[in-house]
Amino acid sequence: MICATVKVGAECGFMTKAGCGFNGGSCQQIVEQCEGCQRVMELPAGRYCNSYPNPSLKWKTSTCNFATHAKQAAQAQQAKVNPLKASKRGSGKKK
């Protein structure tokens, strides 16, 4: 539905006929870690996340899984391979 509280005119998954269904009754503005994300919406009321109503909770424990600017760093960490384990896998059972 179309938001009628904070993000007036924007599509919102938490908006119901009775009002905003998010805990607290309205979306929260973005936090510093959200800067650079493509999901940030510029509205007259402030800057809000297009995907999640309370961005501070997403960043509280680790990286936000919706963050478009943080995914590149996570992929770089997965590229590391332990050469000892790789050589053991490669030698395996050969017939």
C-alpha atoms as a PDB file:
ATOM      1  CA  MET A   1       0.000   0.000   0.000  1.00  0.00           C
ATOM      2  CA  ILE A   2       0.947   3.618  -0.318  1.00  0.00           C
ATOM      3  CA  CYS A   3       2.417   5.085   2.878  1.00  0.00           C
ATOM      4  CA  ALA A   4       0.418   7.835   4.546  1.00  0.00           C
ATOM      5  CA  THR A   5       2.601   8.505   7.605  1.00  0.00           C
ATOM      6  CA  VAL A   6       6.293   9.249   6.977  1.00  0.00           C
ATOM      7  CA  LYS A   7       7.030   8.196   3.382  1.00  0.00           C
ATOM      8  CA  VAL A   8       3.931   9.873   1.941  1.00  0.00           C
ATOM      9  CA  GLY A   9       3.225   8.622  -1.576  1.00  0.00           C
ATOM     10  CA  ALA A  10       5.839   5.822  -1.512  1.00  0.00           C
ATOM     11  CA  GLU A  11       5.041   2.098  -1.659  1.00  0.00           C
ATOM     12  CA  CYS A  12       5.354   0.472   1.783  1.00  0.00           C
ATOM     13  CA  GLY A  13       4.937  -3.165   2.817  1.00  0.00           C
ATOM     14  CA  PHE A  14       4.020  -2.237   6.385  1.00  0.00           C
ATOM     15  CA  MET A  15       1.138   0.096   5.538  1.00  0.00           C
ATOM     16  CA  THR A  16      -2.350  -1.267   6.182  1.00  0.00           C
ATOM     17  CA  LYS A  17      -5.818   0.260   6.070  1.00  0.00           C
ATOM     18  CA  ALA A  18      -5.538   0.827   9.826  1.00  0.00           C
ATOM     19  CA  GLY A  19      -2.197   2.676   9.490  1.00  0.00           C
ATOM     20  CA  CYS A  20       1.453   1.715   9.734  1.00  0.00           C
ATOM     21  CA  GLY A  21       1.847  -1.842  11.014  1.00  0.00           C
ATOM     22  CA  PHE A  22       5.519  -1.500  11.934  1.00  0.00           C
ATOM     23  CA  ASN A  23       6.395  -1.697  15.629  1.00  0.00           C
ATOM     24  CA  GLY A  24       6.386   1.937  16.713  1.00  0.00           C
ATOM     25  CA  GLY A  25       3.946   3.119  14.065  1.00  0.00           C
ATOM     26  CA  SER A  26       6.385   4.708  11.622  1.00  0.00           C
ATOM     27  CA  CYS A  27       9.648   4.127   9.769  1.00  0.00           C
ATOM     28  CA  GLN A  28      12.957   5.367  11.190  1.00  0.00           C
ATOM     29  CA  GLN A  29      15.510   7.468   9.327  1.00  0.00           C
ATOM     30  CA  ILE A  30      18.714   5.893   8.018  1.00  0.00           C
ATOM     31  CA  VAL A  31      21.896   5.645  10.071  1.00  0.00           C
ATOM     32  CA  GLU A  32      25.459   6.616   9.127  1.00  0.00           C
ATOM     33  CA  GLN A  33      26.328   3.108   7.853  1.00  0.00           C
ATOM     34  CA  CYS A  34      23.550   3.374   5.229  1.00  0.00           C
ATOM     35  CA  GLU A  35      25.304   6.220   3.402  1.00  0.00           C
ATOM     36  CA  GLY A  36      26.080   5.146  -0.152  1.00  0.00           C
ATOM     37  CA  CYS A  37      23.367   2.498  -0.361  1.00  0.00           C
ATOM     38  CA  GLN A  38      21.138   2.511  -3.441  1.00  0.00           C
ATOM     39  CA  ARG A  39      18.049   1.754  -1.325  1.00  0.00           C
ATOM     40  CA  VAL A  40      18.076   5.150   0.417  1.00  0.00           C
ATOM     41  CA  MET A  41      15.090   7.339  -0.476  1.00  0.00           C
ATOM     42  CA  GLU A  42      15.245  11.140  -0.343  1.00  0.00           C
ATOM     43  CA  LEU A  43      11.904  12.455   0.922  1.00  0.00           C
ATOM     44  CA  PRO A  44      10.790  15.849   2.257  1.00  0.00           C
ATOM     45  CA  ALA A  45      10.544  14.292   5.741  1.00  0.00           C
ATOM     46  CA  GLY A  46      14.143  12.971   5.613  1.00  0.00           C
ATOM     47  CA  ARG A  47      16.157  10.027   4.291  1.00  0.00           C
ATOM     48  CA  TYR A  48      14.643   6.553   4.662  1.00  0.00           C
ATOM     49  CA  CYS A  49      15.469   2.987   3.626  1.00  0.00           C
ATOM     50  CA  ASN A  50      13.291   1.620   0.844  1.00  0.00           C
ATOM     51  CA  SER A  51      13.568  -1.976   2.135  1.00  0.00           C
ATOM     52  CA  TYR A  52      13.529  -1.900   5.928  1.00  0.00           C
ATOM     53  CA  PRO A  53      11.676   0.411   8.371  1.00  0.00           C
ATOM     54  CA  ASN A  54      14.356   0.504  11.109  1.00  0.00           C
ATOM     55  CA  PRO A  55      17.874   0.458   9.605  1.00  0.00           C
ATOM     56  CA  SER A  56      19.641   0.860  12.960  1.00  0.00           C
ATOM     57  CA  LEU A  57      18.518  -2.656  13.973  1.00  0.00           C
ATOM     58  CA  LYS A  58      19.990  -4.144  10.789  1.00  0.00           C
ATOM     59  CA  TRP A  59      23.408  -2.621  11.516  1.00  0.00           C
ATOM     60  CA  LYS A  60      23.354  -3.372  15.255  1.00  0.00           C
ATOM     61  CA  THR A  61      24.963  -6.838  15.121  1.00  0.00           C
ATOM     62  CA  SER A  62      26.607  -6.973  11.683  1.00  0.00           C
ATOM     63  CA  THR A  63      26.353  -5.709   8.121  1.00  0.00           C
ATOM     64  CA  CYS A  64      22.857  -5.060   6.806  1.00  0.00           C
ATOM     65  CA  ASN A  65      21.851  -7.762   4.342  1.00  0.00           C
ATOM     66  CA  PHE A  66      20.019  -5.172   2.211  1.00  0.00           C
ATOM     67  CA  ALA A  67      23.075  -2.904   1.858  1.00  0.00           C
ATOM     68  CA  THR A  68      24.076  -2.566  -1.794  1.00  0.00           C
ATOM     69  CA  HIS A  69      27.363  -0.851  -0.952  1.00  0.00           C
ATOM     70  CA  ALA A  70      28.561  -3.503   1.550  1.00  0.00           C
ATOM     71  CA  LYS A  71      28.174  -6.663  -0.547  1.00  0.00           C
ATOM     72  CA  GLN A  72      31.432  -6.116  -2.410  1.00  0.00           C
ATOM     73  CA  ALA A  73      33.474  -6.329   0.790  1.00  0.00           C
ATOM     74  CA  ALA A  74      31.787  -9.595   1.795  1.00  0.00           C
ATOM     75  CA  GLN A  75      32.577 -11.235  -1.556  1.00  0.00           C
ATOM     76  CA  ALA A  76      36.257 -10.291  -1.280  1.00  0.00           C
ATOM     77  CA  GLN A  77      36.549 -12.116   2.058  1.00  0.00           C
ATOM     78  CA  GLN A  78      35.158 -15.350   0.594  1.00  0.00           C
ATOM     79  CA  ALA A  79      37.808 -15.439  -2.154  1.00  0.00           C
ATOM     80  CA  LYS A  80      40.567 -16.488   0.287  1.00  0.00           C
ATOM     81  CA  VAL A  81      41.465 -20.181   0.022  1.00  0.00           C
ATOM     82  CA  ASN A  82      43.722 -22.086   2.365  1.00  0.00           C
ATOM     83  CA  PRO A  83      46.426 -23.542   0.047  1.00  0.00           C
ATOM     84  CA  LEU A  84      47.102 -26.533   2.320  1.00  0.00           C
ATOM     85  CA  LYS A  85      43.462 -27.619   2.301  1.00  0.00           C
ATOM     86  CA  ALA A  86      43.208 -27.017  -1.447  1.00  0.00           C
ATOM     87  CA  SER A  87      46.187 -29.280  -2.144  1.00  0.00           C
ATOM     88  CA  LYS A  88      44.692 -32.041   0.023  1.00  0.00           C
ATOM     89  CA  ARG A  89      41.391 -31.804  -1.845  1.00  0.00           C
ATOM     90  CA  GLY A  90      43.193 -31.936  -5.170  1.00  0.00           C
ATOM     91  CA  SER A  91      45.229 -35.034  -4.337  1.00  0.00           C
ATOM     92  CA  GLY A  92      42.123 -36.977  -3.145  1.00  0.00           C
ATOM     93  CA  LYS A  93      41.613 -40.583  -4.224  1.00  0.00           C
ATOM     94  CA  LYS A  94      43.132 -41.184  -7.654  1.00  0.00           C
ATOM     95  CA  LYS A  95      42.766 -44.516  -9.402  1.00  0.00           C
END
